[in-house]
Amino acid sequence: MKVSVIGTGNMGRGFAARLVKAGHSVGVHGRDAAKAADVAQAIGAKAVSAAEAGKADIIVLAVPFDAAVDALKALGDIAGRVVIDITNPLTADYMGLTIGHTTSAAEEIARAVPGVALVKGFNTVFAQVLAGDGKVAGGHDVPAYLASDSAEAKAVAAELARSIGFGVVDAGGLKNARYLEALAGLNIYLGYGAGLGTAVTPIWLPVAG
């Protein structure tokens, strides 16, 4: 697939590197063109302009939530494009969420950029886990929880997730991003606030009968 990763931070870089390793055609775009070029060169991707980024099959939104809408609008007309939103609406200390319960980052982005096929996903994964081999203790796949009101977009995101070594959990409609973002908030607290470290990920396993 042709995938654009918007953002050059730890998550954007880790996601792009994993996509390249899986054989996808990857473009990296960021506000700082020089940094985007450096990241792209380091991982074997291509630095792309905003216009080029908007033409990809899938757009991965890997910027802070407060910059997400402007980052998407800068790409031009992306109506109908599949956008995977991996953002979380975190407070400055990363120990809380700025919105929740009655809305979510994903829903706000979808409202602000109508016409895109938005999928919430990968927001519960630390960058350090993203850079790993996609497995947790016991050999289980790291799960990608995907929520979207578009079945077609969710299927595309699921195909992409499996191609880079993730398991897929269908998390329902986009409204359920409210729960995924809260789950990410808990994971961040456990990783940093409770001292478990960043080599952790939320996963549901069946209980032995």
C-alpha atoms as a PDB file:
ATOM      1  CA  MET A   1       0.000   0.000   0.000  1.00  0.00           C
ATOM      2  CA  LYS A   2       0.971   3.629  -0.429  1.00  0.00           C
ATOM      3  CA  VAL A   3       0.968   5.146   3.050  1.00  0.00           C
ATOM      4  CA  SER A   4       1.687   8.666   4.254  1.00  0.00           C
ATOM      5  CA  VAL A   5       2.761   9.182   7.852  1.00  0.00           C
ATOM      6  CA  ILE A   6       2.071  12.687   9.101  1.00  0.00           C
ATOM      7  CA  GLY A   7       4.394  13.468  11.986  1.00  0.00           C
ATOM      8  CA  THR A   8       8.065  12.918  12.733  1.00  0.00           C
ATOM      9  CA  GLY A   9       8.009  12.213  16.472  1.00  0.00           C
ATOM     10  CA  ASN A  10       8.638   8.841  18.101  1.00  0.00           C
ATOM     11  CA  MET A  11       5.289   7.406  17.070  1.00  0.00           C
ATOM     12  CA  GLY A  12       5.439   8.698  13.508  1.00  0.00           C
ATOM     13  CA  ARG A  13       8.990   7.507  13.025  1.00  0.00           C
ATOM     14  CA  GLY A  14       8.285   4.105  14.575  1.00  0.00           C
ATOM     15  CA  PHE A  15       5.151   3.599  12.504  1.00  0.00           C
ATOM     16  CA  ALA A  16       6.884   4.610   9.283  1.00  0.00           C
ATOM     17  CA  ALA A  17       9.850   2.328   9.970  1.00  0.00           C
ATOM     18  CA  ARG A  18       7.555  -0.619  10.567  1.00  0.00           C
ATOM     19  CA  LEU A  19       5.664   0.092   7.347  1.00  0.00           C
ATOM     20  CA  VAL A  20       8.897   0.254   5.356  1.00  0.00           C
ATOM     21  CA  LYS A  21      10.037  -3.047   6.852  1.00  0.00           C
ATOM     22  CA  ALA A  22       6.751  -4.636   5.746  1.00  0.00           C
ATOM     23  CA  GLY A  23       7.302  -3.498   2.164  1.00  0.00           C
ATOM     24  CA  HIS A  24       4.862  -0.599   1.930  1.00  0.00           C
ATOM     25  CA  SER A  25       5.571   2.563  -0.054  1.00  0.00           C
ATOM     26  CA  VAL A  26       5.958   5.126   2.711  1.00  0.00           C
ATOM     27  CA  GLY A  27       5.988   8.903   2.584  1.00  0.00           C
ATOM     28  CA  VAL A  28       6.880  10.974   5.639  1.00  0.00           C
ATOM     29  CA  HIS A  29       5.545  14.499   6.053  1.00  0.00           C
ATOM     30  CA  GLY A  30       5.983  17.007   8.855  1.00  0.00           C
ATOM     31  CA  ARG A  31       5.902  20.731   9.509  1.00  0.00           C
ATOM     32  CA  ASP A  32       9.704  20.710   9.641  1.00  0.00           C
ATOM     33  CA  ALA A  33      10.682  19.561   6.154  1.00  0.00           C
ATOM     34  CA  ALA A  34      14.333  19.072   7.104  1.00  0.00           C
ATOM     35  CA  LYS A  35      13.426  16.805  10.011  1.00  0.00           C
ATOM     36  CA  ALA A  36      11.021  14.851   7.804  1.00  0.00           C
ATOM     37  CA  ALA A  37      13.820  14.361   5.291  1.00  0.00           C
ATOM     38  CA  ASP A  38      16.186  13.150   8.001  1.00  0.00           C
ATOM     39  CA  VAL A  39      13.626  10.690   9.381  1.00  0.00           C
ATOM     40  CA  ALA A  40      12.742   9.405   5.920  1.00  0.00           C
ATOM     41  CA  GLN A  41      16.384   8.877   4.987  1.00  0.00           C
ATOM     42  CA  ALA A  42      17.125   7.072   8.253  1.00  0.00           C
ATOM     43  CA  ILE A  43      14.355   4.508   7.789  1.00  0.00           C
ATOM     44  CA  GLY A  44      14.318   4.102   4.015  1.00  0.00           C
ATOM     45  CA  ALA A  45      11.144   6.081   3.358  1.00  0.00           C
ATOM     46  CA  LYS A  46      10.587   9.176   1.214  1.00  0.00           C
ATOM     47  CA  ALA A  47      10.014  12.707   2.461  1.00  0.00           C
ATOM     48  CA  VAL A  48       6.902  14.081   0.751  1.00  0.00           C
ATOM     49  CA  SER A  49       5.116  17.403   0.422  1.00  0.00           C
ATOM     50  CA  ALA A  50       1.692  18.005   1.913  1.00  0.00           C
ATOM     51  CA  ALA A  51       0.076  17.579  -1.501  1.00  0.00           C
ATOM     52  CA  GLU A  52       1.891  14.290  -2.096  1.00  0.00           C
ATOM     53  CA  ALA A  53       0.998  13.039   1.369  1.00  0.00           C
ATOM     54  CA  GLY A  54      -2.678  13.652   0.708  1.00  0.00           C
ATOM     55  CA  LYS A  55      -2.674  11.324  -2.302  1.00  0.00           C
ATOM     56  CA  ALA A  56      -1.702   8.165  -0.424  1.00  0.00           C
ATOM     57  CA  ASP A  57      -4.043   5.204  -0.019  1.00  0.00           C
ATOM     58  CA  ILE A  58      -3.812   5.557   3.759  1.00  0.00           C
ATOM     59  CA  ILE A  59      -2.868   8.565   5.863  1.00  0.00           C
ATOM     60  CA  VAL A  60      -1.521   7.882   9.358  1.00  0.00           C
ATOM     61  CA  LEU A  61      -2.054  10.861  11.654  1.00  0.00           C
ATOM     62  CA  ALA A  62       0.821  10.850  14.156  1.00  0.00           C
ATOM     63  CA  VAL A  63       0.896  14.399  15.488  1.00  0.00           C
ATOM     64  CA  PRO A  64      -0.290  15.854  18.811  1.00  0.00           C
ATOM     65  CA  PHE A  65      -4.075  16.079  18.989  1.00  0.00           C
ATOM     66  CA  ASP A  66      -4.077  19.871  19.106  1.00  0.00           C
ATOM     67  CA  ALA A  67      -2.238  19.946  15.763  1.00  0.00           C
ATOM     68  CA  ALA A  68      -4.212  17.143  14.091  1.00  0.00           C
ATOM     69  CA  VAL A  69      -6.935  19.084  12.312  1.00  0.00           C
ATOM     70  CA  ASP A  70      -4.543  21.665  10.841  1.00  0.00           C
ATOM     71  CA  ALA A  71      -2.187  18.869   9.762  1.00  0.00           C
ATOM     72  CA  LEU A  72      -4.957  17.132   7.823  1.00  0.00           C
ATOM     73  CA  LYS A  73      -6.358  20.308   6.289  1.00  0.00           C
ATOM     74  CA  ALA A  74      -2.881  21.189   5.040  1.00  0.00           C
ATOM     75  CA  LEU A  75      -2.962  18.095   2.806  1.00  0.00           C
ATOM     76  CA  GLY A  76      -5.631  19.557   0.547  1.00  0.00           C
ATOM     77  CA  ASP A  77      -8.715  17.657  -0.616  1.00  0.00           C
ATOM     78  CA  ILE A  78      -8.531  14.251   1.102  1.00  0.00           C
ATOM     79  CA  ALA A  79     -12.230  13.405   0.971  1.00  0.00           C
ATOM     80  CA  GLY A  80     -12.670   9.638   0.837  1.00  0.00           C
ATOM     81  CA  ARG A  81      -9.150   8.892   2.074  1.00  0.00           C
ATOM     82  CA  VAL A  82      -8.641   6.418   4.884  1.00  0.00           C
ATOM     83  CA  VAL A  83      -7.125   8.268   7.848  1.00  0.00           C
ATOM     84  CA  ILE A  84      -5.814   6.294  10.832  1.00  0.00           C
ATOM     85  CA  ASP A  85      -5.860   8.532  13.885  1.00  0.00           C
ATOM     86  CA  ILE A  86      -3.317   7.420  16.495  1.00  0.00           C
ATOM     87  CA  THR A  87      -3.579  10.592  18.596  1.00  0.00           C
ATOM     88  CA  ASN A  88      -4.577  10.931  22.251  1.00  0.00           C
ATOM     89  CA  PRO A  89      -5.904  14.182  23.794  1.00  0.00           C
ATOM     90  CA  LEU A  90      -3.361  14.253  26.602  1.00  0.00           C
ATOM     91  CA  THR A  91      -2.810  16.890  29.262  1.00  0.00           C
ATOM     92  CA  ALA A  92       0.576  18.572  29.456  1.00  0.00           C
ATOM     93  CA  ASP A  93       1.840  16.089  32.062  1.00  0.00           C
ATOM     94  CA  TYR A  94       0.516  13.093  30.059  1.00  0.00           C
ATOM     95  CA  MET A  95      -1.394  11.885  33.122  1.00  0.00           C
ATOM     96  CA  GLY A  96      -4.890  12.801  31.945  1.00  0.00           C
ATOM     97  CA  LEU A  97      -7.133  13.525  28.972  1.00  0.00           C
ATOM     98  CA  THR A  98      -8.338  16.962  27.917  1.00  0.00           C
ATOM     99  CA  ILE A  99     -11.624  15.622  26.515  1.00  0.00           C
ATOM    100  CA  GLY A 100     -13.658  12.464  26.960  1.00  0.00           C
ATOM    101  CA  HIS A 101     -16.939  10.848  28.048  1.00  0.00           C
ATOM    102  CA  THR A 102     -19.125  12.739  25.562  1.00  0.00           C
ATOM    103  CA  THR A 103     -16.653  12.979  22.690  1.00  0.00           C
ATOM    104  CA  SER A 104     -13.147  11.938  21.687  1.00  0.00           C
ATOM    105  CA  ALA A 105     -10.176  13.223  19.736  1.00  0.00           C
ATOM    106  CA  ALA A 106     -11.190  11.002  16.825  1.00  0.00           C
ATOM    107  CA  GLU A 107     -14.772  12.287  16.743  1.00  0.00           C
ATOM    108  CA  GLU A 108     -13.611  15.908  16.921  1.00  0.00           C
ATOM    109  CA  ILE A 109     -11.167  15.349  14.069  1.00  0.00           C
ATOM    110  CA  ALA A 110     -13.851  13.643  11.974  1.00  0.00           C
ATOM    111  CA  ARG A 111     -16.217  16.560  12.535  1.00  0.00           C
ATOM    112  CA  ALA A 112     -13.570  19.109  11.633  1.00  0.00           C
ATOM    113  CA  VAL A 113     -12.431  17.285   8.477  1.00  0.00           C
ATOM    114  CA  PRO A 114     -15.653  15.863   7.014  1.00  0.00           C
ATOM    115  CA  GLY A 115     -15.430  13.409   4.164  1.00  0.00           C
ATOM    116  CA  VAL A 116     -12.431  11.411   5.364  1.00  0.00           C
ATOM    117  CA  ALA A 117     -12.888   7.780   6.384  1.00  0.00           C
ATOM    118  CA  LEU A 118     -11.506   8.030   9.903  1.00  0.00           C
ATOM    119  CA  VAL A 119     -10.308   5.011  11.853  1.00  0.00           C
ATOM    120  CA  LYS A 120      -9.137   5.240  15.455  1.00  0.00           C
ATOM    121  CA  GLY A 121      -6.287   2.845  16.034  1.00  0.00           C
ATOM    122  CA  PHE A 122      -2.835   2.135  17.457  1.00  0.00           C
ATOM    123  CA  ASN A 123      -3.292   4.866  20.091  1.00  0.00           C
ATOM    124  CA  THR A 124      -2.888   2.319  22.898  1.00  0.00           C
ATOM    125  CA  VAL A 125       0.607   1.350  21.726  1.00  0.00           C
ATOM    126  CA  PHE A 126       3.769   2.935  23.145  1.00  0.00           C
ATOM    127  CA  ALA A 127       6.370   3.990  20.589  1.00  0.00           C
ATOM    128  CA  GLN A 128       8.778   1.513  22.159  1.00  0.00           C
ATOM    129  CA  VAL A 129       6.308  -1.332  21.589  1.00  0.00           C
ATOM    130  CA  LEU A 130       5.709  -0.121  18.053  1.00  0.00           C
ATOM    131  CA  ALA A 131       9.443  -0.402  17.415  1.00  0.00           C
ATOM    132  CA  GLY A 132       9.520  -4.014  18.665  1.00  0.00           C
ATOM    133  CA  ASP A 133       8.646  -7.283  16.987  1.00  0.00           C
ATOM    134  CA  GLY A 134       4.894  -7.081  17.546  1.00  0.00           C
ATOM    135  CA  LYS A 135       4.731  -9.818  20.159  1.00  0.00           C
ATOM    136  CA  VAL A 136       3.982  -9.846  23.873  1.00  0.00           C
ATOM    137  CA  ALA A 137       4.869 -12.448  26.479  1.00  0.00           C
ATOM    138  CA  GLY A 138       3.496 -15.833  25.490  1.00  0.00           C
ATOM    139  CA  GLY A 139       3.808 -15.099  21.782  1.00  0.00           C
ATOM    140  CA  HIS A 140       0.563 -13.157  21.463  1.00  0.00           C
ATOM    141  CA  ASP A 141       0.348 -10.407  18.862  1.00  0.00           C
ATOM    142  CA  VAL A 142       0.223  -6.839  20.117  1.00  0.00           C
ATOM    143  CA  PRO A 143      -3.378  -5.814  19.440  1.00  0.00           C
ATOM    144  CA  ALA A 144      -4.467  -2.874  17.320  1.00  0.00           C
ATOM    145  CA  TYR A 145      -7.919  -1.783  18.482  1.00  0.00           C
ATOM    146  CA  LEU A 146      -9.757  -0.265  15.530  1.00  0.00           C
ATOM    147  CA  ALA A 147     -12.899   1.875  15.780  1.00  0.00           C
ATOM    148  CA  SER A 148     -14.646   3.457  12.806  1.00  0.00           C
ATOM    149  CA  ASP A 149     -18.071   4.182  11.376  1.00  0.00           C
ATOM    150  CA  SER A 150     -16.801   2.961   7.985  1.00  0.00           C
ATOM    151  CA  ALA A 151     -16.597  -0.814   7.638  1.00  0.00           C
ATOM    152  CA  GLU A 152     -14.558  -0.419   4.468  1.00  0.00           C
ATOM    153  CA  ALA A 153     -12.003   1.891   6.072  1.00  0.00           C
ATOM    154  CA  LYS A 154     -11.748  -0.380   9.092  1.00  0.00           C
ATOM    155  CA  ALA A 155     -11.071  -3.348   6.807  1.00  0.00           C
ATOM    156  CA  VAL A 156      -8.268  -1.418   5.086  1.00  0.00           C
ATOM    157  CA  ALA A 157      -6.776  -0.439   8.447  1.00  0.00           C
ATOM    158  CA  ALA A 158      -7.031  -4.054   9.623  1.00  0.00           C
ATOM    159  CA  GLU A 159      -5.187  -5.272   6.537  1.00  0.00           C
ATOM    160  CA  LEU A 160      -2.461  -2.713   7.178  1.00  0.00           C
ATOM    161  CA  ALA A 161      -2.238  -3.671  10.859  1.00  0.00           C
ATOM    162  CA  ARG A 162      -1.828  -7.365  10.086  1.00  0.00           C
ATOM    163  CA  SER A 163       0.778  -6.622   7.433  1.00  0.00           C
ATOM    164  CA  ILE A 164       3.020  -5.002  10.049  1.00  0.00           C
ATOM    165  CA  GLY A 165       2.570  -7.756  12.600  1.00  0.00           C
ATOM    166  CA  PHE A 166      -0.314  -6.583  14.773  1.00  0.00           C
ATOM    167  CA  GLY A 167      -3.349  -8.492  15.871  1.00  0.00           C
ATOM    168  CA  VAL A 168      -6.660  -6.784  15.146  1.00  0.00           C
ATOM    169  CA  VAL A 169      -9.536  -6.150  17.546  1.00  0.00           C
ATOM    170  CA  ASP A 170     -12.707  -4.663  16.077  1.00  0.00           C
ATOM    171  CA  ALA A 171     -13.645  -1.964  18.603  1.00  0.00           C
ATOM    172  CA  GLY A 172     -16.903  -0.970  16.946  1.00  0.00           C
ATOM    173  CA  GLY A 173     -17.985   2.472  15.817  1.00  0.00           C
ATOM    174  CA  LEU A 174     -16.015   5.687  16.074  1.00  0.00           C
ATOM    175  CA  LYS A 175     -17.858   6.626  19.278  1.00  0.00           C
ATOM    176  CA  ASN A 176     -15.863   3.916  21.004  1.00  0.00           C
ATOM    177  CA  ALA A 177     -12.729   5.983  20.463  1.00  0.00           C
ATOM    178  CA  ARG A 178     -13.796   7.569  23.770  1.00  0.00           C
ATOM    179  CA  TYR A 179     -12.940   4.290  25.461  1.00  0.00           C
ATOM    180  CA  LEU A 180      -9.788   3.631  23.445  1.00  0.00           C
ATOM    181  CA  GLU A 181      -8.394   7.038  24.349  1.00  0.00           C
ATOM    182  CA  ALA A 182      -9.187   6.450  28.013  1.00  0.00           C
ATOM    183  CA  LEU A 183      -7.528   3.031  27.759  1.00  0.00           C
ATOM    184  CA  ALA A 184      -4.452   4.726  26.323  1.00  0.00           C
ATOM    185  CA  GLY A 185      -4.509   7.163  29.214  1.00  0.00           C
ATOM    186  CA  LEU A 186      -4.516   4.279  31.685  1.00  0.00           C
ATOM    187  CA  ASN A 187      -1.702   2.563  29.794  1.00  0.00           C
ATOM    188  CA  ILE A 188       0.374   5.741  29.917  1.00  0.00           C
ATOM    189  CA  TYR A 189      -0.242   6.052  33.652  1.00  0.00           C
ATOM    190  CA  LEU A 190       0.796   2.450  34.213  1.00  0.00           C
ATOM    191  CA  GLY A 191       3.881   2.883  32.070  1.00  0.00           C
ATOM    192  CA  TYR A 192       5.110   6.161  33.520  1.00  0.00           C
ATOM    193  CA  GLY A 193       3.086   7.001  36.628  1.00  0.00           C
ATOM    194  CA  ALA A 194       3.116   3.498  38.124  1.00  0.00           C
ATOM    195  CA  GLY A 195       6.593   2.708  36.897  1.00  0.00           C
ATOM    196  CA  LEU A 196       5.824  -0.349  34.772  1.00  0.00           C
ATOM    197  CA  GLY A 197       7.834   1.047  31.879  1.00  0.00           C
ATOM    198  CA  THR A 198       6.905   1.373  28.228  1.00  0.00           C
ATOM    199  CA  ALA A 199       7.272  -2.299  27.263  1.00  0.00           C
ATOM    200  CA  VAL A 200       3.608  -2.875  28.142  1.00  0.00           C
ATOM    201  CA  THR A 201       0.388  -2.906  26.142  1.00  0.00           C
ATOM    202  CA  PRO A 202      -3.301  -3.504  26.968  1.00  0.00           C
ATOM    203  CA  ILE A 203      -4.526  -6.876  25.773  1.00  0.00           C
ATOM    204  CA  TRP A 204      -7.616  -9.007  26.375  1.00  0.00           C
ATOM    205  CA  LEU A 205      -7.044 -12.748  26.715  1.00  0.00           C
ATOM    206  CA  PRO A 206      -9.651 -15.491  27.179  1.00  0.00           C
ATOM    207  CA  VAL A 207      -9.938 -16.988  30.632  1.00  0.00           C
ATOM    208  CA  ALA A 208      -9.312 -20.713  30.750  1.00  0.00           C
ATOM    209  CA  GLY A 209     -12.541 -22.627  31.337  1.00  0.00           C
END
